Every structure is written in C-alpha cells, then in structure tokens.
C-alpha cells in the first residue's frame, strides 16, 4: 500500500518537473490586449481633442502660426491687429477639432487588422509608446486624406486663411518657411495628426504604467508584466 502511494507521488512529481512550463501570455491574449489598448487610447484621444477647445485650450497641443509667421504675428499685434491674428489661430485650432471624429472609423478598422505577430512584438517592445508609433505608421496617411478636406472647409470660413496662404507662399519662396507650412490647410492637418498621435501615446503610457487602473483584467494580464 505504502509502495503504491510512493509510486503515485513520484509520478505526480515527474509530471510537474517534466511538463513544459505554461506560456504566461498566449498569442490570442496578446492580440486582444493590444487591440483593446489601441481602441481605448484612440477613442479617448478622439473624444478629448474633438470637443471645443480640445486643441485651442490645450497648452501642449494648441496650434500656433508656424515659424516666421509667428514672429510676424507679434508685429501685427504690436500694431493693433491682434484680434485678426487671434481669430486666425482660433480658426486653425477649431479646424483641427472638427477633423477629429473622422478618425474613429480609420482607427477601428486598423485595430481590427492588427496581426497576432505584430501584437506579440509590440507587447515585448521596450518603448512606452511602441503601440502608438506602430499604429501611426499604419494610419497617418489615410487619416491625412480624411482630415484635409474637413480642415479646408473649416479654414475657408475664415477669410484670413486666404491671406495666410498668400503670405506663407511668399515666405516659403524666400526660404523663411517650410514648404509644407505654406498652405494653412496642410499645416493644420499635419499639426492635428501630430496632436492626435501624441494624445494616443499618452493614453498608451497610462495603460502600461498602471494596467490595473484600467479596470480590465485583459489589459492587466498583457501589460502588467
């Protein structure tokens, strides 16, 4: 009897010792976790930046006039034309805010297309915003195409936009301004995208730093490592 008990105990021990260790994070969990983090971060960013003041009232994301034009704007303010400059800057930022809802569908589709292999690589990546940067590479071009006409319609409501383009074109021709900033529509679109991905990256950092705080068991399992 004792011999049989000993043999059974040894058998159980050999099972524990020889059995391959269970994988701490399954491939499907990694994919689901990265998709959940992306969707959570992306939609939170869109909601925050798409509301009135989302860009204009944010100290880090407020879109200023670029380079040499910002310096020229200071001179205009000194000559009593500050209200016109402020109106243009406000129009630029409101245009960026108006474009944000167009990002939702692009983001959701990109999240669903994320492969398991990419998800595993991103989870194991060292950067706090690795998922966001990968995501940006997949979506920035298509988002830019969606944002540009929305930004154009919004900036055309402000007559100063035409003057901006005329002055900016001359400044660019003199080498005082980057070519990409010579069009108010393209400048605002680029800055809107910069701000959006910055905000998504901040959301990702929060998830990585405190996955438990998200209230999601899956995110805790994937990023709480």
Protein backbone atom coordinates (compact mmCIF):
# COMPACT_ATOMS: atom_id res chain seq x y z
CA UNK A 1 0.00 0.00 0.00
CA UNK A 2 2.77 2.38 1.01
CA UNK A 3 4.72 1.34 -2.09
CA UNK A 4 1.79 2.20 -4.36
CA UNK A 5 1.39 5.57 -2.65
CA UNK A 6 5.09 6.30 -3.11
CA UNK A 7 4.94 5.39 -6.82
CA UNK A 8 1.89 7.65 -7.28
CA UNK A 9 3.64 10.51 -5.53
CA UNK A 10 6.73 10.11 -7.69
CA UNK A 11 4.54 10.03 -10.80
CA UNK A 12 2.92 13.33 -9.83
CA UNK A 13 6.32 14.85 -9.14
CA UNK A 14 7.67 13.76 -12.53
CA UNK A 15 4.64 15.32 -14.21
CA UNK A 16 5.36 18.64 -12.52
CA UNK A 17 9.09 18.54 -13.26
CA UNK A 18 8.95 17.27 -16.82
CA UNK A 19 5.85 19.11 -18.07
CA UNK A 20 6.67 22.14 -20.23
CA UNK A 21 6.00 25.46 -18.49
CA UNK A 22 2.72 27.11 -19.44
CA UNK A 23 3.07 30.19 -21.63
CA UNK A 24 2.46 33.22 -19.43
CA UNK A 25 0.90 35.19 -22.23
CA UNK A 26 -0.94 33.47 -25.03
CA UNK A 27 -0.81 34.83 -28.56
CA UNK A 28 -4.55 35.42 -28.66
CA UNK A 29 -4.40 37.33 -25.35
CA UNK A 30 -1.57 39.50 -26.67
CA UNK A 31 -3.52 40.37 -29.80
CA UNK A 32 -6.73 41.08 -27.90
CA UNK A 33 -4.86 43.13 -25.31
CA UNK A 34 -3.04 45.31 -27.82
CA UNK A 35 -6.25 45.83 -29.80
CA UNK A 36 -8.09 46.78 -26.62
CA UNK A 37 -5.35 49.20 -25.58
CA UNK A 38 -5.28 50.77 -29.03
CA UNK A 39 -9.02 51.18 -29.22
CA UNK A 40 -9.25 52.54 -25.70
CA UNK A 41 -6.43 55.04 -26.28
CA UNK A 42 -7.51 56.08 -29.76
CA UNK A 43 -11.15 56.69 -28.91
CA UNK A 44 -10.23 58.55 -25.73
CA UNK A 45 -7.92 60.81 -27.74
CA UNK A 46 -10.55 61.46 -30.41
CA UNK A 47 -13.16 62.30 -27.78
CA UNK A 48 -10.86 64.67 -25.89
CA UNK A 49 -9.49 66.53 -28.90
CA UNK A 50 -12.73 66.60 -30.89
CA UNK A 51 -14.56 68.80 -28.42
CA UNK A 52 -14.50 72.63 -28.46
CA UNK A 53 -11.17 73.77 -27.05
CA UNK A 54 -9.61 70.33 -27.45
CA UNK A 55 -6.67 71.91 -29.27
CA UNK A 56 -7.12 75.63 -28.65
CA UNK A 57 -7.24 75.33 -24.83
CA UNK A 58 -4.52 72.66 -24.55
CA UNK A 59 -1.13 74.22 -23.68
CA UNK A 60 0.84 71.48 -25.45
CA UNK A 61 -1.38 70.90 -28.47
CA UNK A 62 -2.54 74.41 -29.31
CA UNK A 63 -1.61 75.04 -32.94
CA UNK A 64 0.33 78.30 -33.40
CA UNK A 65 1.25 80.09 -36.58
CA UNK A 66 4.40 78.44 -37.94
CA UNK A 67 7.93 79.78 -37.75
CA UNK A 68 8.42 83.15 -39.37
CA UNK A 69 4.68 83.85 -39.44
CA UNK A 70 4.50 83.57 -35.67
CA UNK A 71 7.17 86.28 -35.44
CA UNK A 72 5.28 88.41 -37.95
CA UNK A 73 2.11 87.93 -35.91
CA UNK A 74 3.80 89.52 -32.91
CA UNK A 75 4.49 92.61 -35.02
CA UNK A 76 0.85 92.69 -36.16
CA UNK A 77 -0.29 92.55 -32.56
CA UNK A 78 2.03 95.41 -31.75
CA UNK A 79 0.30 97.48 -34.45
CA UNK A 80 -3.16 96.81 -33.09
CA UNK A 81 -4.13 93.90 -35.35
CA UNK A 82 -4.00 91.28 -32.64
CA UNK A 83 -7.70 90.40 -32.95
CA UNK A 84 -7.21 89.30 -36.55
CA UNK A 85 -4.26 87.11 -35.61
CA UNK A 86 -6.16 85.58 -32.71
CA UNK A 87 -9.13 84.89 -34.98
CA UNK A 88 -6.91 83.03 -37.44
CA UNK A 89 -5.24 80.96 -34.72
CA UNK A 90 -8.63 80.10 -33.25
CA UNK A 91 -9.92 79.08 -36.69
CA UNK A 92 -6.90 76.83 -37.21
CA UNK A 93 -7.42 75.06 -33.90
CA UNK A 94 -11.16 74.70 -34.34
CA UNK A 95 -10.49 73.16 -37.76
CA UNK A 96 -8.28 70.54 -36.11
CA UNK A 97 -11.00 69.84 -33.55
CA UNK A 98 -13.61 69.47 -36.29
CA UNK A 99 -11.49 66.85 -38.07
CA UNK A 100 -11.16 64.50 -35.08
CA UNK A 101 -14.42 62.49 -35.44
CA UNK A 102 -13.25 61.35 -38.88
CA UNK A 103 -10.52 59.35 -37.17
CA UNK A 104 -12.87 56.91 -35.44
CA UNK A 105 -13.59 54.60 -38.38
CA UNK A 106 -9.96 54.60 -39.57
CA UNK A 107 -8.77 53.70 -36.09
CA UNK A 108 -11.31 50.93 -35.53
CA UNK A 109 -10.53 49.32 -38.89
CA UNK A 110 -6.78 49.49 -38.26
CA UNK A 111 -7.20 47.91 -34.82
CA UNK A 112 -9.16 45.00 -36.26
CA UNK A 113 -6.47 44.37 -38.89
CA UNK A 114 -3.68 44.12 -36.33
CA UNK A 115 -2.00 40.71 -36.67
CA UNK A 116 -1.09 38.38 -33.82
CA UNK A 117 2.59 38.56 -34.80
CA UNK A 118 2.57 42.35 -34.66
CA UNK A 119 0.76 42.30 -31.32
CA UNK A 120 3.34 40.00 -29.73
CA UNK A 121 6.17 42.16 -31.00
CA UNK A 122 4.55 45.31 -29.66
CA UNK A 123 3.91 43.83 -26.23
CA UNK A 124 7.55 42.83 -25.97
CA UNK A 125 8.77 46.18 -27.28
CA UNK A 126 10.57 48.43 -24.84
CA UNK A 127 9.13 51.87 -25.69
CA UNK A 128 6.18 53.18 -23.70
CA UNK A 129 4.50 54.29 -26.90
CA UNK A 130 5.55 51.42 -29.19
CA UNK A 131 1.94 50.52 -29.99
CA UNK A 132 1.07 54.12 -30.85
CA UNK A 133 4.06 54.57 -33.18
CA UNK A 134 3.25 51.33 -34.99
CA UNK A 135 -0.36 52.44 -35.23
CA UNK A 136 0.66 55.84 -36.59
CA UNK A 137 2.63 54.19 -39.36
CA UNK A 138 -0.46 52.27 -40.40
CA UNK A 139 -2.99 55.10 -40.24
CA UNK A 140 -1.35 58.51 -40.69
CA UNK A 141 -1.55 58.64 -44.50
CA UNK A 142 -5.22 57.61 -44.66
CA UNK A 143 -6.14 59.93 -41.81
CA UNK A 144 -4.41 62.81 -43.54
CA UNK A 145 -6.57 62.22 -46.61
CA UNK A 146 -9.70 62.33 -44.46
CA UNK A 147 -8.64 65.32 -42.40
CA UNK A 148 -7.55 67.61 -45.25
CA UNK A 149 -10.98 68.34 -46.81
CA UNK A 150 -12.54 68.82 -43.36
CA UNK A 151 -9.80 71.23 -42.34
CA UNK A 152 -10.11 73.02 -45.69
CA UNK A 153 -13.84 73.61 -45.24
CA UNK A 154 -13.32 74.86 -41.71
CA UNK A 155 -10.48 77.26 -42.54
CA UNK A 156 -12.27 78.66 -45.60
CA UNK A 157 -14.86 80.11 -43.26
CA UNK A 158 -12.15 82.44 -42.02
CA UNK A 159 -11.16 84.97 -44.69
CA UNK A 160 -7.74 85.39 -43.16
CA UNK A 161 -6.93 81.86 -44.33
CA UNK A 162 -6.54 83.13 -47.89
CA UNK A 163 -4.22 85.86 -46.72
CA UNK A 164 -2.25 83.31 -44.72
CA UNK A 165 -1.69 81.19 -47.82
CA UNK A 166 -0.60 84.21 -49.86
CA UNK A 167 1.86 85.43 -47.24
CA UNK A 168 3.06 81.90 -46.45
CA UNK A 169 3.76 81.17 -50.10
CA UNK A 170 5.99 84.23 -50.33
CA UNK A 171 7.74 83.34 -47.07
CA UNK A 172 8.35 79.82 -48.31
CA UNK A 173 9.74 81.18 -51.57
CA UNK A 174 12.24 83.23 -49.58
CA UNK A 175 13.25 80.24 -47.51
CA UNK A 176 11.66 81.67 -44.35
CA UNK A 177 9.07 78.93 -44.07
CA UNK A 178 8.94 75.23 -44.81
CA UNK A 179 7.09 74.31 -47.99
CA UNK A 180 4.81 72.00 -46.02
CA UNK A 181 3.67 75.00 -43.97
CA UNK A 182 2.88 77.24 -46.94
CA UNK A 183 -0.72 76.00 -47.03
CA UNK A 184 -2.82 76.60 -43.94
CA UNK A 185 -4.91 73.51 -44.72
CA UNK A 186 -1.91 71.19 -44.91
CA UNK A 187 -0.21 72.80 -41.94
CA UNK A 188 -3.26 72.40 -39.71
CA UNK A 189 -3.81 68.83 -40.93
CA UNK A 190 -0.23 67.90 -40.06
CA UNK A 191 -0.40 69.53 -36.63
CA UNK A 192 -3.78 67.92 -35.95
CA UNK A 193 -2.29 64.50 -36.68
CA UNK A 194 0.74 65.25 -34.52
CA UNK A 195 -1.53 66.19 -31.64
CA UNK A 196 -3.77 63.18 -32.09
CA UNK A 197 -0.95 60.64 -32.02
CA UNK A 198 0.66 62.43 -29.10
CA UNK A 199 -2.58 62.05 -27.16
CA UNK A 200 -2.94 58.37 -28.13
CA UNK A 201 0.64 57.83 -26.97
CA UNK A 202 -0.14 59.41 -23.60
CA UNK A 203 -3.10 57.07 -23.20
CA UNK A 204 -0.87 54.08 -24.01
CA UNK A 205 1.68 55.17 -21.40
CA UNK A 206 -1.07 55.33 -18.78
CA UNK A 207 -2.14 51.77 -19.62
CA UNK A 208 1.42 50.45 -19.48
CA UNK A 209 2.22 52.24 -16.23
CA UNK A 210 -1.00 51.30 -14.45
CA UNK A 211 -2.80 48.45 -16.23
CA UNK A 212 -4.66 47.62 -13.04
CA UNK A 213 -6.14 51.11 -13.03
CA UNK A 214 -7.87 50.46 -16.33
CA UNK A 215 -10.21 48.00 -14.65
CA UNK A 216 -9.58 45.49 -17.44
CA UNK A 217 -8.32 42.03 -16.48
CA UNK A 218 -7.07 41.52 -20.04
CA UNK A 219 -5.02 44.73 -20.09
CA UNK A 220 -3.62 43.88 -16.67
CA UNK A 221 -2.55 40.46 -17.96
CA UNK A 222 -0.96 41.80 -21.13
CA UNK A 223 0.73 44.94 -19.86
CA UNK A 224 1.18 44.16 -16.18
CA UNK A 225 4.40 42.23 -16.78
